[in-house]
N, C-alpha and C. Protein backbone atom coordinates (compact mmCIF):
# COMPACT_ATOMS: atom_id res chain seq x y z
N MET A 1 0.97 -1.35 0.09
CA MET A 1 0.03 0.14 -0.20
C MET A 1 0.87 1.33 -0.03
N ARG A 2 1.87 1.41 0.85
CA ARG A 2 2.71 2.34 0.67
C ARG A 2 3.38 2.56 -0.49
N GLN A 3 3.83 1.46 -1.25
CA GLN A 3 4.24 1.94 -2.90
C GLN A 3 3.35 2.29 -3.40
N GLN A 4 2.05 2.11 -3.21
CA GLN A 4 1.04 2.66 -4.42
C GLN A 4 1.07 4.03 -3.94
N ILE A 5 1.05 4.58 -2.86
CA ILE A 5 0.79 5.82 -2.52
C ILE A 5 1.77 6.54 -2.77
N ALA A 6 3.22 6.05 -2.67
CA ALA A 6 4.56 6.61 -3.31
C ALA A 6 4.06 6.83 -4.95
N ARG A 7 3.96 5.64 -5.62
CA ARG A 7 3.70 5.90 -6.93
C ARG A 7 2.50 6.94 -7.27
N LEU A 8 1.56 7.35 -6.70
CA LEU A 8 0.78 8.09 -6.90
C LEU A 8 0.89 9.67 -6.93
N ARG A 9 1.72 9.57 -5.93
CA ARG A 9 2.31 11.17 -5.60
C ARG A 9 3.58 11.40 -6.62
N THR A 10 4.24 10.49 -7.13
CA THR A 10 5.17 10.87 -8.08
C THR A 10 4.62 10.93 -9.33
N LYS A 11 3.25 9.95 -9.77
CA LYS A 11 2.51 10.39 -10.79
C LYS A 11 1.99 11.76 -10.89
N ALA A 12 1.33 12.45 -9.51
CA ALA A 12 0.93 13.68 -9.44
C ALA A 12 1.83 14.53 -9.78
N ALA A 13 3.10 14.36 -9.12
CA ALA A 13 4.20 15.40 -9.56
C ALA A 13 4.39 15.54 -11.13
N GLN A 14 4.71 14.54 -11.62
CA GLN A 14 4.77 14.40 -13.07
C GLN A 14 3.95 15.05 -13.86
N LEU A 15 2.53 14.69 -13.28
CA LEU A 15 1.36 15.26 -14.16
C LEU A 15 1.17 16.71 -14.29
N ARG A 16 1.60 17.18 -12.89
CA ARG A 16 1.57 18.72 -12.69
C ARG A 16 2.61 19.53 -13.47
N ARG A 17 3.86 18.88 -13.65
CA ARG A 17 5.04 19.40 -14.39
C ARG A 17 4.67 19.47 -15.57
N LEU A 18 3.73 18.35 -16.31
CA LEU A 18 3.18 18.50 -17.50
C LEU A 18 1.81 19.32 -17.90
N GLY A 19 1.63 19.82 -16.80
CA GLY A 19 0.47 20.96 -16.82
C GLY A 19 -0.93 20.22 -16.77
N GLU A 20 -1.18 18.94 -16.31
CA GLU A 20 -2.51 18.10 -16.17
C GLU A 20 -2.66 18.63 -14.60
N ASP A 21 -3.20 19.63 -14.19
CA ASP A 21 -3.49 19.92 -12.86
C ASP A 21 -4.53 19.06 -12.59
N ALA A 22 -5.71 18.91 -13.13
CA ALA A 22 -6.98 18.40 -12.73
C ALA A 22 -6.40 16.64 -12.76
N ALA A 23 -5.83 16.09 -13.11
CA ALA A 23 -5.26 14.67 -13.16
C ALA A 23 -4.51 14.42 -12.02
N ALA A 24 -3.42 15.75 -11.93
CA ALA A 24 -2.49 15.53 -10.63
C ALA A 24 -3.33 15.56 -9.33
N ARG A 25 -4.38 16.58 -9.27
CA ARG A 25 -5.04 16.38 -8.40
C ARG A 25 -5.83 15.34 -7.92
N ARG A 26 -6.53 14.69 -8.92
CA ARG A 26 -6.93 13.26 -8.79
C ARG A 26 -6.07 12.34 -8.01
N ALA A 27 -5.01 12.24 -8.46
CA ALA A 27 -3.88 11.21 -8.33
C ALA A 27 -3.59 11.57 -6.94
N LEU A 28 -3.20 12.88 -6.46
CA LEU A 28 -3.27 13.22 -4.92
C LEU A 28 -4.51 12.82 -4.38
N SER A 29 -5.63 12.92 -4.72
CA SER A 29 -6.62 12.64 -3.84
C SER A 29 -6.82 11.04 -3.45
N GLN A 30 -6.43 10.17 -4.57
CA GLN A 30 -6.40 8.73 -4.46
C GLN A 30 -5.10 8.47 -3.30
N ALA A 31 -4.32 9.08 -3.40
CA ALA A 31 -2.86 9.12 -2.59
C ALA A 31 -3.60 9.11 -1.05
N ALA A 32 -4.19 10.28 -1.03
CA ALA A 32 -4.72 10.79 0.25
C ALA A 32 -5.47 9.89 0.93
N ALA A 33 -6.42 9.24 0.06
CA ALA A 33 -7.35 7.99 0.53
C ALA A 33 -7.01 6.86 0.96
N LEU A 34 -5.95 6.41 0.07
CA LEU A 34 -4.98 5.55 0.59
C LEU A 34 -4.25 5.57 1.71
N GLN A 35 -3.98 6.62 1.99
CA GLN A 35 -2.82 6.92 3.22
C GLN A 35 -3.54 6.95 4.36
N LYS A 36 -4.78 7.73 4.09
CA LYS A 36 -6.05 7.30 5.29
C LYS A 36 -6.37 6.01 5.81
N ARG A 37 -6.44 5.35 4.74
CA ARG A 37 -6.72 3.79 5.03
C ARG A 37 -5.64 3.17 5.86
N LEU A 38 -4.28 3.36 5.02
CA LEU A 38 -3.34 2.94 5.95
C LEU A 38 -3.29 3.40 7.28
N ASP A 39 -3.57 4.70 7.47
CA ASP A 39 -3.39 5.38 8.73
C ASP A 39 -4.42 4.32 9.89
N ALA A 40 -5.74 4.10 9.48
CA ALA A 40 -6.61 3.55 10.10
C ALA A 40 -6.05 2.18 10.25
N CYS A 41 -5.93 1.37 9.38
CA CYS A 41 -5.31 0.13 9.69
C CYS A 41 -4.15 -0.05 10.56
N GLN A 42 -3.23 0.82 10.56
CA GLN A 42 -2.24 0.95 11.60
C GLN A 42 -2.48 1.49 13.05
N LYS A 43 -3.38 2.08 12.94
CA LYS A 43 -4.22 2.54 14.35
C LYS A 43 -4.85 1.40 15.23
N ALA A 44 -5.57 0.84 14.43
CA ALA A 44 -6.44 -0.44 14.61
C ALA A 44 -5.25 -1.40 15.32
N GLU A 45 -4.39 -1.71 14.45
CA GLU A 45 -3.51 -2.94 14.94
C GLU A 45 -2.84 -2.52 16.25
N ARG A 46 -2.25 -1.35 16.41
CA ARG A 46 -1.94 -0.71 17.45
C ARG A 46 -2.60 -0.66 18.59
N GLU A 47 -4.00 -0.57 18.60
CA GLU A 47 -4.95 -0.66 19.76
C GLU A 47 -5.42 -1.90 20.25
N GLN A 48 -5.37 -2.66 18.99
CA GLN A 48 -5.58 -4.24 19.31
C GLN A 48 -4.57 -4.96 20.13
N SER A 49 -3.41 -4.41 20.05
CA SER A 49 -2.26 -5.28 20.63
C SER A 49 -2.08 -4.78 22.31
N LYS A 50 -2.81 -3.75 22.38
CA LYS A 50 -2.88 -3.43 23.96
C LYS A 50 -3.55 -4.23 24.71
N PRO A 51 -2.96 -4.29 25.93
CA PRO A 51 -3.79 -5.07 26.76
C PRO A 51 -4.69 -4.72 27.35
N PHE A 52 -5.99 -5.24 28.17
CA PHE A 52 -7.02 -5.28 28.73
C PHE A 52 -6.66 -4.11 29.64
N PRO A 53 -7.39 -3.01 30.04
CA PRO A 53 -7.35 -2.14 31.35
C PRO A 53 -7.64 -3.06 32.43
N GLY A 54 -6.72 -2.76 33.59
CA GLY A 54 -7.09 -4.05 34.73
C GLY A 54 -7.21 -3.42 35.88
């Protein structure tokens, strides 16, 4: 998933250099959505591994 995010950000930078601003915004939006999902997964894993309060 991290590789996908990196690829999308690279693609967005390349599109912006080529003057394709709308496509660059779409790629960045997709990268942001993937990052948000990754962050949520990581947070769930961290909280799942905590012991029960006792």
